[in-house]
Each structure stands twice: as structure tokens, then as C-alpha cells.
């Protein structure tokens, strides 16, 4: 049995989120929470909130024991890109891509 939590349209690049995803994948929930609290990355705040949500979903919706949970899957997929422009010399414009992410955390119970 597993429980999920999704965060869609997060205004952070998926490349930055994947670094933090790799830190907590496979760890138990308490350890992952401690790692996220100590990590000085912008994505760690979002991931911490999402991890707490996934643990709460497991506890309340699936009747799992929160002490036996571990992060079985975590991934960040690209969302839609907000395309903006930066004025440059001689009337030109350079494109600025404001990337978004869809982040998912899946927790499961250890056997």
C-alpha cells in the first residue's frame, strides 16, 4: 500500500528539484524530513511540506503507521513554461523561460 502527494505548477525549475529528490529517495520518512530541514536549497522547503502531506495522507486515508513509512518514489516533471522577454540592444528581445514543476512524493510502509 502506498500514499501520494502532488504539487503542481511549482514556480521552480525541475532541474533544481531533482537534486533534492535524489537526497531523500529510499530514506525513511523521519530521516528524509531531517535531511530536508537541514538542506539549504530552495526546493527543500516545498519538498518538506509535500513530504508532511504524503505522510498525513498515509496515516489518515490509508491507516498506515507513520513510524514505518519510507519514501518509495519521488520525482519532478516539467510543467508549462512561462515565456517572458528581456529587452536587449538595438530593439531586440531575448527570451527568458520561467520554468515550472510538477512534484510527486510517494510513501510506502516497510514490510
Protein backbone atom coordinates (compact mmCIF):
# COMPACT_ATOMS: atom_id res chain seq x y z
CA UNK A 1 0.00 0.00 0.00
CA UNK A 2 1.25 3.49 -0.77
CA UNK A 3 0.16 7.09 -0.37
CA UNK A 4 0.96 10.03 -2.64
CA UNK A 5 1.14 13.80 -2.53
CA UNK A 6 1.36 16.04 -5.60
CA UNK A 7 2.43 19.65 -6.02
CA UNK A 8 1.58 21.06 -9.42
CA UNK A 9 2.74 24.25 -11.12
CA UNK A 10 5.51 24.99 -8.58
CA UNK A 11 7.48 28.02 -9.78
CA UNK A 12 10.88 26.32 -9.61
CA UNK A 13 12.87 24.54 -12.29
CA UNK A 14 12.58 20.73 -12.26
CA UNK A 15 16.36 20.52 -12.54
CA UNK A 16 16.72 22.18 -9.13
CA UNK A 17 14.04 19.97 -7.57
CA UNK A 18 15.59 16.72 -8.85
CA UNK A 19 18.75 17.39 -6.81
CA UNK A 20 16.68 17.43 -3.61
CA UNK A 21 14.60 14.42 -4.78
CA UNK A 22 17.76 12.34 -5.05
CA UNK A 23 18.69 13.18 -1.44
CA UNK A 24 15.56 11.65 0.11
CA UNK A 25 14.63 8.81 -2.25
CA UNK A 26 14.66 5.48 -0.38
CA UNK A 27 15.08 7.02 3.09
CA UNK A 28 12.57 6.55 5.88
CA UNK A 29 10.15 9.44 6.46
CA UNK A 30 11.74 10.79 9.66
CA UNK A 31 15.25 10.78 8.16
CA UNK A 32 14.00 12.40 4.96
CA UNK A 33 12.31 15.13 6.98
CA UNK A 34 15.53 15.80 8.90
CA UNK A 35 17.54 15.94 5.65
CA UNK A 36 15.10 18.42 4.10
CA UNK A 37 15.18 20.66 7.18
CA UNK A 38 18.98 20.85 7.00
CA UNK A 39 19.32 21.30 3.23
CA UNK A 40 19.87 24.92 2.11
CA UNK A 41 18.11 24.56 -1.27
CA UNK A 42 15.03 26.47 -2.42
CA UNK A 43 13.27 23.22 -3.31
CA UNK A 44 13.73 21.71 0.15
CA UNK A 45 11.02 23.93 1.66
CA UNK A 46 8.48 22.78 -0.93
CA UNK A 47 9.54 19.16 -0.61
CA UNK A 48 9.29 19.24 3.19
CA UNK A 49 5.72 20.48 3.04
CA UNK A 50 4.90 17.86 0.41
CA UNK A 51 6.51 15.05 2.44
CA UNK A 52 4.45 16.00 5.50
CA UNK A 53 1.34 15.93 3.32
CA UNK A 54 2.19 12.47 1.96
CA UNK A 55 2.76 11.13 5.49
CA UNK A 56 -0.55 12.63 6.64
CA UNK A 57 -2.32 11.08 3.64
CA UNK A 58 -0.84 7.68 4.51
CA UNK A 59 -1.85 7.97 8.16
CA UNK A 60 -5.38 9.31 7.66
CA UNK A 61 -6.54 7.85 4.33
CA UNK A 62 -4.72 4.51 4.25
CA UNK A 63 -4.40 3.76 8.01
CA UNK A 64 -0.63 3.23 7.83
CA UNK A 65 1.77 3.50 10.75
CA UNK A 66 3.76 6.77 10.34
CA UNK A 67 6.83 5.23 12.03
CA UNK A 68 7.13 2.52 9.35
CA UNK A 69 6.89 4.84 6.32
CA UNK A 70 9.67 5.43 3.83
CA UNK A 71 9.95 7.48 0.63
CA UNK A 72 9.49 4.89 -2.10
CA UNK A 73 9.33 7.30 -5.05
CA UNK A 74 9.94 10.99 -5.60
CA UNK A 75 10.19 12.78 -8.91
CA UNK A 76 9.80 16.18 -10.55
CA UNK A 77 8.40 16.54 -14.04
CA UNK A 78 8.44 19.77 -16.07
CA UNK A 79 5.26 21.82 -16.12
CA UNK A 80 4.31 24.60 -18.52
CA UNK A 81 6.95 27.24 -19.24
CA UNK A 82 6.10 30.91 -18.78
CA UNK A 83 7.79 32.75 -21.64
CA UNK A 84 8.98 36.26 -20.85
CA UNK A 85 11.20 38.74 -22.66
CA UNK A 86 14.23 40.80 -21.70
CA UNK A 87 14.94 43.95 -23.77
CA UNK A 88 18.36 43.90 -25.40
CA UNK A 89 20.39 46.21 -27.64
CA UNK A 90 19.01 47.63 -30.91
CA UNK A 91 15.38 46.84 -30.13
CA UNK A 92 15.85 43.12 -29.82
CA UNK A 93 14.37 40.83 -27.19
CA UNK A 94 15.86 37.75 -25.56
CA UNK A 95 13.53 35.09 -24.25
CA UNK A 96 13.51 34.31 -20.55
CA UNK A 97 11.96 30.92 -19.70
CA UNK A 98 10.28 30.79 -16.29
CA UNK A 99 10.08 27.06 -15.69
CA UNK A 100 7.51 25.24 -13.54
CA UNK A 101 7.47 21.77 -12.00
CA UNK A 102 5.03 19.04 -11.06
CA UNK A 103 6.47 17.32 -7.96
CA UNK A 104 5.29 13.96 -6.60
CA UNK A 105 6.25 12.10 -3.41
CA UNK A 106 5.10 8.53 -2.80
CA UNK A 107 5.47 6.95 0.66
CA UNK A 108 5.02 3.26 1.44
CA UNK A 109 5.11 1.08 4.52
CA UNK A 110 8.10 -1.16 5.21
CA UNK A 111 7.23 -4.82 5.45
